[in-house]
Protein backbone atom coordinates (compact mmCIF):
# COMPACT_ATOMS: atom_id res chain seq x y z
CA MET A 1 -11.62 -45.19 -30.11
CA ARG A 2 -15.25 -45.27 -31.21
CA THR A 3 -17.87 -45.10 -28.48
CA LYS A 4 -21.03 -45.08 -30.64
CA GLN A 5 -21.93 -47.00 -33.74
CA GLU A 6 -23.10 -44.54 -36.40
CA THR A 7 -25.99 -46.65 -37.71
CA TRP A 8 -27.54 -50.06 -37.33
CA THR A 9 -28.87 -52.21 -40.10
CA ALA A 10 -32.61 -52.89 -40.14
CA GLU A 11 -31.89 -56.41 -38.86
CA GLN A 12 -29.85 -55.09 -35.93
CA TYR A 13 -32.55 -52.59 -35.04
CA ASP A 14 -35.31 -55.24 -35.25
CA HIS A 15 -33.31 -57.53 -32.95
CA TRP A 16 -32.82 -54.74 -30.40
CA ALA A 17 -36.51 -53.66 -30.65
CA LYS A 18 -37.73 -57.24 -30.01
CA THR A 19 -35.29 -58.30 -27.31
CA GLY A 20 -33.76 -55.15 -25.83
CA GLU A 21 -30.36 -56.80 -26.35
CA PHE A 22 -27.60 -55.48 -28.53
CA PRO A 23 -27.18 -57.56 -31.70
CA GLU A 24 -24.06 -59.77 -31.79
CA ASP A 25 -22.51 -57.92 -34.71
CA SER A 26 -22.91 -54.47 -33.09
CA ASN A 27 -19.99 -55.15 -30.72
CA GLY A 28 -22.16 -53.89 -27.86
CA ILE A 29 -22.01 -50.35 -29.25
CA PRO A 30 -25.35 -48.54 -29.39
CA PRO A 31 -26.13 -46.42 -32.45
CA CYS A 32 -26.25 -42.64 -32.21
CA ASP A 33 -30.05 -42.89 -32.24
CA ALA A 34 -31.18 -46.39 -31.28
CA PHE A 35 -34.80 -45.39 -31.76
CA SER A 36 -34.52 -44.55 -35.47
CA PRO A 37 -35.23 -47.57 -37.66
CA SER A 38 -34.12 -47.62 -41.27
CA ILE A 39 -36.36 -45.25 -43.22
CA GLN A 40 -37.86 -46.22 -46.55
CA LYS A 41 -37.15 -43.45 -49.04
CA PRO A 42 -39.62 -42.37 -51.73
CA ASN A 43 -38.40 -42.52 -55.32
CA LYS A 44 -37.83 -39.40 -57.45
CA ALA A 45 -41.26 -39.61 -59.12
CA ASP A 46 -42.97 -39.76 -55.71
CA LEU A 47 -40.95 -36.78 -54.46
CA LYS A 48 -41.89 -34.80 -57.56
CA ALA A 49 -45.58 -35.72 -57.16
CA GLU A 50 -45.57 -34.65 -53.49
CA LYS A 51 -43.83 -31.38 -54.38
CA GLU A 52 -46.48 -30.71 -57.05
CA LEU A 53 -49.28 -31.49 -54.56
CA GLN A 54 -47.69 -29.11 -52.07
CA ALA A 55 -47.45 -26.31 -54.65
CA LEU A 56 -51.07 -26.86 -55.68
CA CYS A 57 -52.23 -26.67 -52.05
CA GLU A 58 -50.17 -23.54 -51.36
CA ASN A 59 -51.52 -21.81 -54.48
CA TYR A 60 -55.04 -22.73 -53.40
CA LEU A 61 -54.43 -21.16 -49.98
CA VAL A 62 -53.17 -17.94 -51.59
CA GLN A 63 -56.20 -17.82 -53.93
CA ASN A 64 -58.45 -18.29 -50.89
CA ASN A 65 -57.13 -15.33 -48.89
CA TYR A 66 -54.37 -16.91 -46.81
CA LEU A 67 -50.99 -15.20 -46.66
CA ARG A 68 -47.66 -16.97 -46.56
CA LEU A 69 -46.33 -16.77 -43.01
CA THR A 70 -43.42 -14.36 -43.30
CA ALA A 71 -42.14 -11.86 -40.76
CA ASP A 72 -43.70 -8.98 -42.72
CA ASN A 73 -47.07 -10.70 -43.07
CA ALA A 74 -47.13 -11.83 -39.44
CA THR A 75 -46.45 -8.35 -38.06
CA ALA A 76 -48.88 -6.47 -40.30
CA VAL A 77 -51.77 -4.97 -38.36
CA ARG A 78 -55.28 -6.08 -39.16
CA SER A 79 -56.06 -2.86 -41.05
CA ASP A 80 -53.24 -3.74 -43.46
CA MET A 81 -54.70 -7.15 -44.22
CA PRO A 82 -56.32 -7.67 -47.61
CA LEU A 83 -60.11 -7.79 -47.86
CA GLY A 84 -61.37 -11.28 -47.00
CA PHE A 85 -58.14 -12.23 -45.22
CA LYS A 86 -58.53 -15.61 -43.50
CA GLY A 87 -55.13 -16.30 -41.99
CA TRP A 88 -51.57 -17.45 -42.65
CA PHE A 89 -49.90 -20.63 -43.80
CA GLY A 90 -46.39 -21.92 -43.51
CA HIS A 91 -44.31 -24.69 -44.98
CA MET A 92 -40.98 -26.09 -43.82
CA HIS A 93 -38.71 -26.65 -46.82
CA LYS A 94 -35.85 -29.05 -46.15
CA PRO A 95 -35.29 -27.94 -42.55
CA LYS A 96 -32.08 -28.97 -40.84
CA GLN A 97 -32.63 -31.06 -37.71
CA ASN A 98 -36.38 -31.06 -38.42
CA PRO A 99 -38.36 -30.49 -35.23
CA LEU A 100 -41.05 -32.77 -36.73
CA MET A 101 -43.31 -30.32 -38.52
CA PRO A 102 -46.12 -31.16 -40.96
CA ASP A 103 -45.94 -30.13 -44.61
CA LEU A 104 -48.41 -27.28 -44.10
CA PHE A 105 -49.52 -25.43 -40.99
CA ILE A 106 -52.43 -23.05 -41.41
CA PHE A 107 -53.49 -20.42 -38.86
CA ASP A 108 -56.81 -18.59 -38.76
CA MET A 109 -57.51 -15.18 -37.22
CA ASN A 110 -58.64 -16.82 -33.97
CA GLY A 111 -55.32 -18.59 -33.43
CA ARG A 112 -56.50 -22.05 -34.45
CA CYS A 113 -54.05 -24.15 -36.43
CA LEU A 114 -54.63 -26.87 -39.01
CA ASN A 115 -51.58 -29.11 -39.46
CA VAL A 116 -51.61 -31.07 -42.72
CA GLU A 117 -49.22 -33.78 -43.81
CA LEU A 118 -49.39 -34.26 -47.59
CA LYS A 119 -48.78 -37.78 -48.86
CA VAL A 120 -48.76 -39.35 -52.30
CA VAL A 121 -47.29 -42.69 -51.16
CA ASN A 122 -47.57 -44.56 -47.88
CA ILE A 123 -44.03 -43.75 -46.71
CA TRP A 124 -43.65 -41.99 -43.35
CA GLN A 125 -40.74 -40.30 -41.61
CA PRO A 126 -40.29 -41.24 -37.94
CA GLY A 127 -43.00 -39.60 -35.83
CA GLN A 128 -45.28 -38.47 -38.69
CA LYS A 129 -47.73 -41.36 -38.53
CA GLU A 130 -47.93 -41.07 -34.75
CA MET A 131 -48.83 -37.35 -35.00
CA VAL A 132 -51.66 -38.25 -37.40
CA GLU A 133 -52.83 -41.17 -35.26
CA MET A 134 -52.93 -38.95 -32.14
CA GLY A 135 -55.04 -36.38 -34.03
CA PHE A 136 -52.50 -33.55 -33.96
CA TRP A 137 -52.06 -33.64 -37.74
CA GLN A 138 -54.43 -34.41 -40.59
CA VAL A 139 -53.25 -36.26 -43.68
CA ALA A 140 -54.29 -35.46 -47.25
CA TRP A 141 -53.57 -37.99 -49.98
CA SER A 142 -54.86 -35.74 -52.79
CA PHE A 143 -55.70 -32.14 -53.59
CA GLN A 144 -59.42 -32.89 -53.26
CA GLN A 145 -58.85 -34.32 -49.80
CA PHE A 146 -56.85 -31.21 -48.85
CA GLU A 147 -59.73 -28.97 -50.03
CA GLU A 148 -62.18 -30.99 -47.92
CA LEU A 149 -59.96 -30.81 -44.81
CA LEU A 150 -59.58 -27.05 -45.18
CA HIS A 151 -63.31 -26.56 -45.76
CA ASP A 152 -64.25 -28.67 -42.72
CA TRP A 153 -61.74 -26.75 -40.60
CA GLU A 154 -62.98 -23.34 -41.80
CA ILE A 155 -66.72 -23.95 -41.80
CA HIS A 156 -67.30 -26.62 -39.20
CA GLN A 157 -64.48 -25.72 -36.79
CA GLU A 158 -63.16 -29.30 -37.03
CA TYR A 159 -59.68 -30.52 -36.05
């Protein structure tokens, strides 16, 4: 016997969100995650464009004296760091059970962190937009905007 409905349609979710009542056609069975509305998915061209933007931003970080956050790089002592070293950056690639991480997280030598969500289309996963709206993450819609965010963070201690 089923005790939870696996998913709701967008109409069922909207009804529940507006009224707090289970939709008629849900048989009174809540979904596994009643708080997850249907998610709009980007098309393949959008995914490719975002992947290219991400690669461009990561290459820029490497060229500007940031190291990829790996166990070896994180445990290296300061004397082992390359001349002009600024910090580390990380990127979550298709994580399972994503703990809601931005596309890029960048750390400086003082422990500050810049969290950047890269977007090429206005499609958000649950929680992403809220993190940006609360000021925990910054959003970059282009490479130029990413450069500006990084510069402001480095020079002006913003974010």
